[in-house]
Amino acid sequence: MNSITISTLQEYLKTKYDNPQYTNSLFMKLVEEVGEVAEAINKIDGRKADDGLSSLSEELVDVIHYAVAIATINDIDLEQVMIEKDKKASVKYHQFPNLQDYLNNEK
């Protein structure tokens, strides 16, 4: 099985969605998929009957797809932004190591 990076996913999605005007429609799909994640969790927790039509893993993939697509068509480098945002969150919530330090120690 091939591995995937966020940057590779962004390059791939750029071939599918090439115009920032898609942002609104992609956001609407993202919101829809977040609702489907909630539905899948409700099924797992027994609050809703499982009809076998969706799985948590598939719905989470859809959320990631649309979130990354929105970033991609708006020229957001998610890998860089994730590192920067995590640094701020690590300080704010006193959680260490931060993502950049973790990545540096993995090499």
PDB file of N, CA and C in Angstrom:
ATOM      1  N   MET A   1       0.847  -1.190   0.000  1.00  0.00           N
ATOM      2  CA  MET A   1       0.000   0.000   0.000  1.00  0.00           C
ATOM      3  C   MET A   1       0.886   1.245   0.000  1.00  0.00           C
ATOM      4  N   ASN A   2       0.524   2.202  -0.779  1.00  0.00           N
ATOM      5  CA  ASN A   2       1.272   3.453  -0.838  1.00  0.00           C
ATOM      6  C   ASN A   2       0.909   4.339   0.345  1.00  0.00           C
ATOM      7  N   SER A   3       1.889   5.100   0.802  1.00  0.00           N
ATOM      8  CA  SER A   3       1.596   6.062   1.860  1.00  0.00           C
ATOM      9  C   SER A   3       1.280   7.408   1.210  1.00  0.00           C
ATOM     10  N   ILE A   4       0.638   8.258   1.990  1.00  0.00           N
ATOM     11  CA  ILE A   4       0.227   9.554   1.463  1.00  0.00           C
ATOM     12  C   ILE A   4       0.641  10.638   2.443  1.00  0.00           C
ATOM     13  N   THR A   5       1.046  11.756   1.907  1.00  0.00           N
ATOM     14  CA  THR A   5       1.341  12.919   2.734  1.00  0.00           C
ATOM     15  C   THR A   5       0.269  13.972   2.469  1.00  0.00           C
ATOM     16  N   ILE A   6       0.204  14.930   3.330  1.00  0.00           N
ATOM     17  CA  ILE A   6      -0.759  16.007   3.127  1.00  0.00           C
ATOM     18  C   ILE A   6      -0.430  16.764   1.846  1.00  0.00           C
ATOM     19  N   SER A   7       0.851  17.008   1.601  1.00  0.00           N
ATOM     20  CA  SER A   7       1.213  17.740   0.391  1.00  0.00           C
ATOM     21  C   SER A   7       0.852  16.955  -0.872  1.00  0.00           C
ATOM     22  N   THR A   8       1.010  15.634  -0.842  1.00  0.00           N
ATOM     23  CA  THR A   8       0.618  14.820  -1.986  1.00  0.00           C
ATOM     24  C   THR A   8      -0.892  14.866  -2.195  1.00  0.00           C
ATOM     25  N   LEU A   9      -1.640  14.799  -1.105  1.00  0.00           N
ATOM     26  CA  LEU A   9      -3.091  14.898  -1.208  1.00  0.00           C
ATOM     27  C   LEU A   9      -3.490  16.251  -1.782  1.00  0.00           C
ATOM     28  N   GLN A  10      -2.810  17.299  -1.354  1.00  0.00           N
ATOM     29  CA  GLN A  10      -3.121  18.622  -1.893  1.00  0.00           C
ATOM     30  C   GLN A  10      -2.809  18.699  -3.385  1.00  0.00           C
ATOM     31  N   GLU A  11      -1.705  18.122  -3.811  1.00  0.00           N
ATOM     32  CA  GLU A  11      -1.368  18.113  -5.241  1.00  0.00           C
ATOM     33  C   GLU A  11      -2.442  17.363  -6.028  1.00  0.00           C
ATOM     34  N   TYR A  12      -2.884  16.232  -5.513  1.00  0.00           N
ATOM     35  CA  TYR A  12      -3.918  15.440  -6.169  1.00  0.00           C
ATOM     36  C   TYR A  12      -5.232  16.219  -6.253  1.00  0.00           C
ATOM     37  N   LEU A  13      -5.652  16.818  -5.146  1.00  0.00           N
ATOM     38  CA  LEU A  13      -6.921  17.537  -5.133  1.00  0.00           C
ATOM     39  C   LEU A  13      -6.888  18.773  -6.020  1.00  0.00           C
ATOM     40  N   LYS A  14      -5.709  19.339  -6.225  1.00  0.00           N
ATOM     41  CA  LYS A  14      -5.566  20.478  -7.138  1.00  0.00           C
ATOM     42  C   LYS A  14      -5.977  20.086  -8.557  1.00  0.00           C
ATOM     43  N   THR A  15      -5.790  18.809  -8.903  1.00  0.00           N
ATOM     44  CA  THR A  15      -6.202  18.351 -10.228  1.00  0.00           C
ATOM     45  C   THR A  15      -7.718  18.223 -10.348  1.00  0.00           C
ATOM     46  N   LYS A  16      -8.402  18.076  -9.223  1.00  0.00           N
ATOM     47  CA  LYS A  16      -9.862  17.937  -9.223  1.00  0.00           C
ATOM     48  C   LYS A  16     -10.571  19.272  -9.053  1.00  0.00           C
ATOM     49  N   TYR A  17     -10.026  20.085  -8.179  1.00  0.00           N
ATOM     50  CA  TYR A  17     -10.642  21.372  -7.853  1.00  0.00           C
ATOM     51  C   TYR A  17      -9.603  22.454  -8.118  1.00  0.00           C
ATOM     52  N   ASP A  18      -9.811  23.251  -9.144  1.00  0.00           N
ATOM     53  CA  ASP A  18      -8.770  24.199  -9.538  1.00  0.00           C
ATOM     54  C   ASP A  18      -9.205  25.652  -9.458  1.00  0.00           C
ATOM     55  N   ASN A  19     -10.289  25.925  -8.733  1.00  0.00           N
ATOM     56  CA  ASN A  19     -10.803  27.284  -8.721  1.00  0.00           C
ATOM     57  C   ASN A  19     -11.321  27.648  -7.333  1.00  0.00           C
ATOM     58  N   PRO A  20     -10.833  28.748  -6.758  1.00  0.00           N
ATOM     59  CA  PRO A  20     -11.312  29.172  -5.433  1.00  0.00           C
ATOM     60  C   PRO A  20     -12.819  29.407  -5.365  1.00  0.00           C
ATOM     61  N   GLN A  21     -13.466  29.552  -6.510  1.00  0.00           N
ATOM     62  CA  GLN A  21     -14.918  29.739  -6.503  1.00  0.00           C
ATOM     63  C   GLN A  21     -15.645  28.491  -6.005  1.00  0.00           C
ATOM     64  N   TYR A  22     -14.967  27.359  -5.955  1.00  0.00           N
ATOM     65  CA  TYR A  22     -15.565  26.131  -5.431  1.00  0.00           C
ATOM     66  C   TYR A  22     -15.605  26.119  -3.900  1.00  0.00           C
ATOM     67  N   THR A  23     -14.992  27.090  -3.258  1.00  0.00           N
ATOM     68  CA  THR A  23     -14.885  27.080  -1.802  1.00  0.00           C
ATOM     69  C   THR A  23     -16.240  26.915  -1.127  1.00  0.00           C
ATOM     70  N   ASN A  24     -17.226  27.678  -1.529  1.00  0.00           N
ATOM     71  CA  ASN A  24     -18.525  27.608  -0.880  1.00  0.00           C
ATOM     72  C   ASN A  24     -19.170  26.237  -1.033  1.00  0.00           C
ATOM     73  N   SER A  25     -19.154  25.683  -2.230  1.00  0.00           N
ATOM     74  CA  SER A  25     -19.784  24.373  -2.425  1.00  0.00           C
ATOM     75  C   SER A  25     -19.012  23.276  -1.692  1.00  0.00           C
ATOM     76  N   LEU A  26     -17.689  23.389  -1.654  1.00  0.00           N
ATOM     77  CA  LEU A  26     -16.899  22.408  -0.905  1.00  0.00           C
ATOM     78  C   LEU A  26     -17.171  22.530   0.592  1.00  0.00           C
ATOM     79  N   PHE A  27     -17.350  23.752   1.064  1.00  0.00           N
ATOM     80  CA  PHE A  27     -17.671  23.939   2.481  1.00  0.00           C
ATOM     81  C   PHE A  27     -19.024  23.313   2.813  1.00  0.00           C
ATOM     82  N   MET A  28     -19.997  23.469   1.952  1.00  0.00           N
ATOM     83  CA  MET A  28     -21.313  22.863   2.185  1.00  0.00           C
ATOM     84  C   MET A  28     -21.190  21.336   2.249  1.00  0.00           C
ATOM     85  N   LYS A  29     -20.363  20.757   1.380  1.00  0.00           N
ATOM     86  CA  LYS A  29     -20.129  19.314   1.434  1.00  0.00           C
ATOM     87  C   LYS A  29     -19.429  18.930   2.735  1.00  0.00           C
ATOM     88  N   LEU A  30     -18.481  19.753   3.180  1.00  0.00           N
ATOM     89  CA  LEU A  30     -17.780  19.490   4.431  1.00  0.00           C
ATOM     90  C   LEU A  30     -18.762  19.452   5.604  1.00  0.00           C
ATOM     91  N   VAL A  31     -19.642  20.431   5.667  1.00  0.00           N
ATOM     92  CA  VAL A  31     -20.636  20.476   6.746  1.00  0.00           C
ATOM     93  C   VAL A  31     -21.520  19.230   6.700  1.00  0.00           C
ATOM     94  N   GLU A  32     -21.936  18.842   5.510  1.00  0.00           N
ATOM     95  CA  GLU A  32     -22.754  17.635   5.348  1.00  0.00           C
ATOM     96  C   GLU A  32     -22.019  16.409   5.873  1.00  0.00           C
ATOM     97  N   GLU A  33     -20.743  16.305   5.534  1.00  0.00           N
ATOM     98  CA  GLU A  33     -19.951  15.150   5.962  1.00  0.00           C
ATOM     99  C   GLU A  33     -19.719  15.139   7.467  1.00  0.00           C
ATOM    100  N   VAL A  34     -19.563  16.305   8.073  1.00  0.00           N
ATOM    101  CA  VAL A  34     -19.413  16.366   9.537  1.00  0.00           C
ATOM    102  C   VAL A  34     -20.682  15.808  10.190  1.00  0.00           C
ATOM    103  N   GLY A  35     -21.846  16.133   9.626  1.00  0.00           N
ATOM    104  CA  GLY A  35     -23.090  15.565  10.118  1.00  0.00           C
ATOM    105  C   GLY A  35     -23.108  14.048   9.992  1.00  0.00           C
ATOM    106  N   GLU A  36     -22.546  13.542   8.913  1.00  0.00           N
ATOM    107  CA  GLU A  36     -22.492  12.096   8.726  1.00  0.00           C
ATOM    108  C   GLU A  36     -21.517  11.437   9.701  1.00  0.00           C
ATOM    109  N   VAL A  37     -20.464  12.150  10.097  1.00  0.00           N
ATOM    110  CA  VAL A  37     -19.568  11.641  11.147  1.00  0.00           C
ATOM    111  C   VAL A  37     -20.352  11.521  12.451  1.00  0.00           C
ATOM    112  N   ALA A  38     -21.144  12.543  12.774  1.00  0.00           N
ATOM    113  CA  ALA A  38     -21.963  12.508  13.990  1.00  0.00           C
ATOM    114  C   ALA A  38     -22.925  11.324  13.945  1.00  0.00           C
ATOM    115  N   GLU A  39     -23.515  11.101  12.803  1.00  0.00           N
ATOM    116  CA  GLU A  39     -24.449   9.979  12.658  1.00  0.00           C
ATOM    117  C   GLU A  39     -23.729   8.647  12.870  1.00  0.00           C
ATOM    118  N   ALA A  40     -22.544   8.500  12.311  1.00  0.00           N
ATOM    119  CA  ALA A  40     -21.766   7.265  12.484  1.00  0.00           C
ATOM    120  C   ALA A  40     -21.395   7.052  13.946  1.00  0.00           C
ATOM    121  N   ILE A  41     -21.024   8.123  14.637  1.00  0.00           N
ATOM    122  CA  ILE A  41     -20.690   8.003  16.062  1.00  0.00           C
ATOM    123  C   ILE A  41     -21.929   7.623  16.868  1.00  0.00           C
ATOM    124  N   ASN A  42     -23.070   8.204  16.526  1.00  0.00           N
ATOM    125  CA  ASN A  42     -24.317   7.838  17.204  1.00  0.00           C
ATOM    126  C   ASN A  42     -24.632   6.356  17.013  1.00  0.00           C
ATOM    127  N   LYS A  43     -24.333   5.808  15.852  1.00  0.00           N
ATOM    128  CA  LYS A  43     -24.551   4.381  15.609  1.00  0.00           C
ATOM    129  C   LYS A  43     -23.607   3.545  16.466  1.00  0.00           C
ATOM    130  N   ILE A  44     -22.362   3.964  16.529  1.00  0.00           N
ATOM    131  CA  ILE A  44     -21.369   3.237  17.338  1.00  0.00           C
ATOM    132  C   ILE A  44     -21.776   3.236  18.805  1.00  0.00           C
ATOM    133  N   ASP A  45     -22.268   4.376  19.277  1.00  0.00           N
ATOM    134  CA  ASP A  45     -22.653   4.507  20.685  1.00  0.00           C
ATOM    135  C   ASP A  45     -24.039   3.949  20.981  1.00  0.00           C
ATOM    136  N   GLY A  46     -24.732   3.452  19.964  1.00  0.00           N
ATOM    137  CA  GLY A  46     -26.031   2.835  20.167  1.00  0.00           C
ATOM    138  C   GLY A  46     -27.189   3.809  20.282  1.00  0.00           C
ATOM    139  N   ARG A  47     -26.972   5.064  19.987  1.00  0.00           N
ATOM    140  CA  ARG A  47     -28.051   6.047  20.048  1.00  0.00           C
ATOM    141  C   ARG A  47     -28.884   6.058  18.774  1.00  0.00           C
ATOM    142  N   LYS A  48     -28.412   5.347  17.770  1.00  0.00           N
ATOM    143  CA  LYS A  48     -29.121   5.298  16.494  1.00  0.00           C
ATOM    144  C   LYS A  48     -28.924   3.907  15.910  1.00  0.00           C
ATOM    145  N   ALA A  49     -29.969   3.390  15.267  1.00  0.00           N
ATOM    146  CA  ALA A  49     -29.869   2.063  14.652  1.00  0.00           C
ATOM    147  C   ALA A  49     -28.861   2.088  13.510  1.00  0.00           C
ATOM    148  N   ASP A  50     -28.059   1.050  13.444  1.00  0.00           N
ATOM    149  CA  ASP A  50     -27.053   0.949  12.384  1.00  0.00           C
ATOM    150  C   ASP A  50     -27.698   0.367  11.132  1.00  0.00           C
ATOM    151  N   ASP A  51     -27.765   1.180  10.080  1.00  0.00           N
ATOM    152  CA  ASP A  51     -28.352   0.724   8.825  1.00  0.00           C
ATOM    153  C   ASP A  51     -27.300   0.167   7.872  1.00  0.00           C
ATOM    154  N   GLY A  52     -26.037   0.178   8.288  1.00  0.00           N
ATOM    155  CA  GLY A  52     -24.961  -0.364   7.473  1.00  0.00           C
ATOM    156  C   GLY A  52     -24.570   0.480   6.277  1.00  0.00           C
ATOM    157  N   LEU A  53     -25.115   1.693   6.174  1.00  0.00           N
ATOM    158  CA  LEU A  53     -24.852   2.510   4.991  1.00  0.00           C
ATOM    159  C   LEU A  53     -23.589   3.362   5.098  1.00  0.00           C
ATOM    160  N   SER A  54     -23.118   3.599   6.288  1.00  0.00           N
ATOM    161  CA  SER A  54     -21.929   4.443   6.413  1.00  0.00           C
ATOM    162  C   SER A  54     -21.064   3.945   7.557  1.00  0.00           C
ATOM    163  N   SER A  55     -19.785   4.281   7.480  1.00  0.00           N
ATOM    164  CA  SER A  55     -18.871   3.917   8.556  1.00  0.00           C
ATOM    165  C   SER A  55     -18.117   5.159   8.996  1.00  0.00           C
ATOM    166  N   LEU A  56     -17.706   5.155  10.233  1.00  0.00           N
ATOM    167  CA  LEU A  56     -16.965   6.290  10.761  1.00  0.00           C
ATOM    168  C   LEU A  56     -15.725   6.558   9.922  1.00  0.00           C
ATOM    169  N   SER A  57     -15.002   5.519   9.546  1.00  0.00           N
ATOM    170  CA  SER A  57     -13.767   5.721   8.776  1.00  0.00           C
ATOM    171  C   SER A  57     -14.049   6.395   7.434  1.00  0.00           C
ATOM    172  N   GLU A  58     -15.078   5.955   6.745  1.00  0.00           N
ATOM    173  CA  GLU A  58     -15.395   6.556   5.448  1.00  0.00           C
ATOM    174  C   GLU A  58     -15.844   7.998   5.587  1.00  0.00           C
ATOM    175  N   GLU A  59     -16.616   8.289   6.610  1.00  0.00           N
ATOM    176  CA  GLU A  59     -17.102   9.659   6.805  1.00  0.00           C
ATOM    177  C   GLU A  59     -15.953  10.587   7.201  1.00  0.00           C
ATOM    178  N   LEU A  60     -15.026  10.103   8.021  1.00  0.00           N
ATOM    179  CA  LEU A  60     -13.864  10.925   8.372  1.00  0.00           C
ATOM    180  C   LEU A  60     -13.003  11.211   7.150  1.00  0.00           C
ATOM    181  N   VAL A  61     -12.866  10.245   6.270  1.00  0.00           N
ATOM    182  CA  VAL A  61     -12.111  10.463   5.033  1.00  0.00           C
ATOM    183  C   VAL A  61     -12.779  11.554   4.204  1.00  0.00           C
ATOM    184  N   ASP A  62     -14.100  11.537   4.146  1.00  0.00           N
ATOM    185  CA  ASP A  62     -14.807  12.582   3.396  1.00  0.00           C
ATOM    186  C   ASP A  62     -14.556  13.960   4.008  1.00  0.00           C
ATOM    187  N   VAL A  63     -14.556  14.053   5.342  1.00  0.00           N
ATOM    188  CA  VAL A  63     -14.280  15.330   6.012  1.00  0.00           C
ATOM    189  C   VAL A  63     -12.883  15.815   5.658  1.00  0.00           C
ATOM    190  N   ILE A  64     -11.915  14.912   5.729  1.00  0.00           N
ATOM    191  CA  ILE A  64     -10.537  15.280   5.388  1.00  0.00           C
ATOM    192  C   ILE A  64     -10.453  15.729   3.935  1.00  0.00           C
ATOM    193  N   HIS A  65     -11.092  14.990   3.045  1.00  0.00           N
ATOM    194  CA  HIS A  65     -11.074  15.318   1.619  1.00  0.00           C
ATOM    195  C   HIS A  65     -11.532  16.760   1.390  1.00  0.00           C
ATOM    196  N   TYR A  66     -12.705  17.096   1.911  1.00  0.00           N
ATOM    197  CA  TYR A  66     -13.251  18.430   1.643  1.00  0.00           C
ATOM    198  C   TYR A  66     -12.471  19.525   2.372  1.00  0.00           C
ATOM    199  N   ALA A  67     -12.010  19.273   3.578  1.00  0.00           N
ATOM    200  CA  ALA A  67     -11.211  20.278   4.293  1.00  0.00           C
ATOM    201  C   ALA A  67      -9.900  20.554   3.557  1.00  0.00           C
ATOM    202  N   VAL A  68      -9.234  19.507   3.112  1.00  0.00           N
ATOM    203  CA  VAL A  68      -7.973  19.677   2.376  1.00  0.00           C
ATOM    204  C   VAL A  68      -8.238  20.328   1.021  1.00  0.00           C
ATOM    205  N   ALA A  69      -9.328  19.983   0.373  1.00  0.00           N
ATOM    206  CA  ALA A  69      -9.657  20.605  -0.917  1.00  0.00           C
ATOM    207  C   ALA A  69      -9.858  22.112  -0.752  1.00  0.00           C
ATOM    208  N   ILE A  70     -10.559  22.518   0.301  1.00  0.00           N
ATOM    209  CA  ILE A  70     -10.770  23.950   0.546  1.00  0.00           C
ATOM    210  C   ILE A  70      -9.434  24.653   0.736  1.00  0.00           C
ATOM    211  N   ALA A  71      -8.555  24.053   1.513  1.00  0.00           N
ATOM    212  CA  ALA A  71      -7.228  24.645   1.720  1.00  0.00           C
ATOM    213  C   ALA A  71      -6.462  24.719   0.404  1.00  0.00           C
ATOM    214  N   THR A  72      -6.528  23.669  -0.362  1.00  0.00           N
ATOM    215  CA  THR A  72      -5.771  23.584  -1.602  1.00  0.00           C
ATOM    216  C   THR A  72      -6.151  24.679  -2.582  1.00  0.00           C
ATOM    217  N   ILE A  73      -7.435  24.845  -2.825  1.00  0.00           N
ATOM    218  CA  ILE A  73      -7.833  25.830  -3.828  1.00  0.00           C
ATOM    219  C   ILE A  73      -7.673  27.263  -3.341  1.00  0.00           C
ATOM    220  N   ASN A  74      -7.410  27.406  -2.045  1.00  0.00           N
ATOM    221  CA  ASN A  74      -7.146  28.740  -1.497  1.00  0.00           C
ATOM    222  C   ASN A  74      -5.661  28.933  -1.189  1.00  0.00           C
ATOM    223  N   ASP A  75      -4.829  28.092  -1.807  1.00  0.00           N
ATOM    224  CA  ASP A  75      -3.360  28.184  -1.716  1.00  0.00           C
ATOM    225  C   ASP A  75      -2.836  28.183  -0.278  1.00  0.00           C
ATOM    226  N   ILE A  76      -3.401  27.318   0.545  1.00  0.00           N
ATOM    227  CA  ILE A  76      -2.945  27.156   1.927  1.00  0.00           C
ATOM    228  C   ILE A  76      -2.069  25.910   1.998  1.00  0.00           C
ATOM    229  N   ASP A  77      -0.845  26.086   2.455  1.00  0.00           N
ATOM    230  CA  ASP A  77       0.080  24.972   2.649  1.00  0.00           C
ATOM    231  C   ASP A  77      -0.238  24.362   4.011  1.00  0.00           C
ATOM    232  N   LEU A  78      -1.060  23.322   4.016  1.00  0.00           N
ATOM    233  CA  LEU A  78      -1.528  22.747   5.275  1.00  0.00           C
ATOM    234  C   LEU A  78      -0.404  22.213   6.146  1.00  0.00           C
ATOM    235  N   GLU A  79       0.615  21.628   5.552  1.00  0.00           N
ATOM    236  CA  GLU A  79       1.708  21.091   6.367  1.00  0.00           C
ATOM    237  C   GLU A  79       2.362  22.208   7.173  1.00  0.00           C
ATOM    238  N   GLN A  80       2.629  23.324   6.543  1.00  0.00           N
ATOM    239  CA  GLN A  80       3.267  24.440   7.235  1.00  0.00           C
ATOM    240  C   GLN A  80       2.337  25.058   8.274  1.00  0.00           C
ATOM    241  N   VAL A  81       1.093  25.245   7.896  1.00  0.00           N
ATOM    242  CA  VAL A  81       0.129  25.853   8.815  1.00  0.00           C
ATOM    243  C   VAL A  81      -0.114  24.947  10.024  1.00  0.00           C
ATOM    244  N   MET A  82      -0.130  23.633   9.815  1.00  0.00           N
ATOM    245  CA  MET A  82      -0.327  22.712  10.930  1.00  0.00           C
ATOM    246  C   MET A  82       0.807  22.825  11.943  1.00  0.00           C
ATOM    247  N   ILE A  83       2.018  22.942  11.447  1.00  0.00           N
ATOM    248  CA  ILE A  83       3.175  23.079  12.350  1.00  0.00           C
ATOM    249  C   ILE A  83       3.086  24.387  13.127  1.00  0.00           C
ATOM    250  N   GLU A  84       2.783  25.481  12.430  1.00  0.00           N
ATOM    251  CA  GLU A  84       2.690  26.789  13.089  1.00  0.00           C
ATOM    252  C   GLU A  84       1.555  26.821  14.110  1.00  0.00           C
ATOM    253  N   LYS A  85       0.394  26.292  13.739  1.00  0.00           N
ATOM    254  CA  LYS A  85      -0.759  26.287  14.630  1.00  0.00           C
ATOM    255  C   LYS A  85      -0.502  25.412  15.845  1.00  0.00           C
ATOM    256  N   ASP A  86       0.159  24.268  15.640  1.00  0.00           N
ATOM    257  CA  ASP A  86       0.447  23.369  16.745  1.00  0.00           C
ATOM    258  C   ASP A  86       1.416  23.994  17.747  1.00  0.00           C
ATOM    259  N   LYS A  87       2.377  24.790  17.243  1.00  0.00           N
ATOM    260  CA  LYS A  87       3.299  25.482  18.154  1.00  0.00           C
ATOM    261  C   LYS A  87       2.517  26.375  19.100  1.00  0.00           C
ATOM    262  N   LYS A  88       1.574  27.139  18.561  1.00  0.00           N
ATOM    263  CA  LYS A  88       0.758  28.038  19.384  1.00  0.00           C
ATOM    264  C   LYS A  88      -0.088  27.242  20.383  1.00  0.00           C
ATOM    265  N   ALA A  89      -0.709  26.175  19.907  1.00  0.00           N
ATOM    266  CA  ALA A  89      -1.566  25.367  20.774  1.00  0.00           C
ATOM    267  C   ALA A  89      -0.753  24.681  21.869  1.00  0.00           C
ATOM    268  N   SER A  90       0.452  24.235  21.548  1.00  0.00           N
ATOM    269  CA  SER A  90       1.300  23.582  22.542  1.00  0.00           C
ATOM    270  C   SER A  90       1.620  24.520  23.691  1.00  0.00           C
ATOM    271  N   VAL A  91       1.890  25.763  23.365  1.00  0.00           N
ATOM    272  CA  VAL A  91       2.167  26.754  24.402  1.00  0.00           C
ATOM    273  C   VAL A  91       0.887  27.051  25.189  1.00  0.00           C
ATOM    274  N   LYS A  92      -0.190  27.300  24.479  1.00  0.00           N
ATOM    275  CA  LYS A  92      -1.463  27.659  25.119  1.00  0.00           C
ATOM    276  C   LYS A  92      -1.954  26.570  26.072  1.00  0.00           C
ATOM    277  N   TYR A  93      -1.843  25.313  25.656  1.00  0.00           N
ATOM    278  CA  TYR A  93      -2.379  24.207  26.453  1.00  0.00           C
ATOM    279  C   TYR A  93      -1.309  23.421  27.201  1.00  0.00           C
ATOM    280  N   HIS A  94      -0.073  23.927  27.194  1.00  0.00           N
ATOM    281  CA  HIS A  94       1.040  23.303  27.930  1.00  0.00           C
ATOM    282  C   HIS A  94       1.211  21.829  27.546  1.00  0.00           C
ATOM    283  N   GLN A  95       1.222  21.566  26.240  1.00  0.00           N
ATOM    284  CA  GLN A  95       1.385  20.211  25.729  1.00  0.00           C
ATOM    285  C   GLN A  95       2.694  20.131  24.953  1.00  0.00           C
ATOM    286  N   PHE A  96       3.542  19.220  25.362  1.00  0.00           N
ATOM    287  CA  PHE A  96       4.842  19.101  24.729  1.00  0.00           C
ATOM    288  C   PHE A  96       5.127  17.635  24.446  1.00  0.00           C
ATOM    289  N   PRO A  97       5.857  17.331  23.397  1.00  0.00           N
ATOM    290  CA  PRO A  97       6.501  18.255  22.468  1.00  0.00           C
ATOM    291  C   PRO A  97       5.479  18.831  21.487  1.00  0.00           C
ATOM    292  N   ASN A  98       5.887  19.894  20.822  1.00  0.00           N
ATOM    293  CA  ASN A  98       5.043  20.391  19.738  1.00  0.00           C
ATOM    294  C   ASN A  98       5.334  19.554  18.495  1.00  0.00           C
ATOM    295  N   LEU A  99       4.534  19.741  17.474  1.00  0.00           N
ATOM    296  CA  LEU A  99       4.643  18.908  16.271  1.00  0.00           C
ATOM    297  C   LEU A  99       6.009  19.036  15.605  1.00  0.00           C
ATOM    298  N   GLN A 100       6.526  20.248  15.518  1.00  0.00           N
ATOM    299  CA  GLN A 100       7.826  20.425  14.871  1.00  0.00           C
ATOM    300  C   GLN A 100       8.918  19.687  15.642  1.00  0.00           C
ATOM    301  N   ASP A 101       8.927  19.804  16.971  1.00  0.00           N
ATOM    302  CA  ASP A 101       9.917  19.082  17.766  1.00  0.00           C
ATOM    303  C   ASP A 101       9.752  17.571  17.607  1.00  0.00           C
ATOM    304  N   TYR A 102       8.511  17.115  17.582  1.00  0.00           N
ATOM    305  CA  TYR A 102       8.243  15.688  17.381  1.00  0.00           C
ATOM    306  C   TYR A 102       8.810  15.219  16.041  1.00  0.00           C
ATOM    307  N   LEU A 103       8.552  15.970  14.997  1.00  0.00           N
ATOM    308  CA  LEU A 103       9.058  15.606  13.666  1.00  0.00           C
ATOM    309  C   LEU A 103      10.579  15.627  13.624  1.00  0.00           C
ATOM    310  N   ASN A 104      11.185  16.603  14.280  1.00  0.00           N
ATOM    311  CA  ASN A 104      12.647  16.682  14.304  1.00  0.00           C
ATOM    312  C   ASN A 104      13.265  15.497  15.033  1.00  0.00           C
ATOM    313  N   ASN A 105      12.595  14.996  16.073  1.00  0.00           N
ATOM    314  CA  ASN A 105      13.117  13.862  16.840  1.00  0.00           C
ATOM    315  C   ASN A 105      12.886  12.526  16.144  1.00  0.00           C
ATOM    316  N   GLU A 106      11.957  12.486  15.213  1.00  0.00           N
ATOM    317  CA  GLU A 106      11.666  11.266  14.478  1.00  0.00           C
ATOM    318  C   GLU A 106      12.712  10.980  13.400  1.00  0.00           C
ATOM    319  N   LYS A 107      13.466  11.984  13.010  1.00  0.00           N
ATOM    320  CA  LYS A 107      14.415  11.818  11.905  1.00  0.00           C
ATOM    321  C   LYS A 107      15.718  11.268  12.358  1.00  0.00           C
TER     322      LYS A 107
END
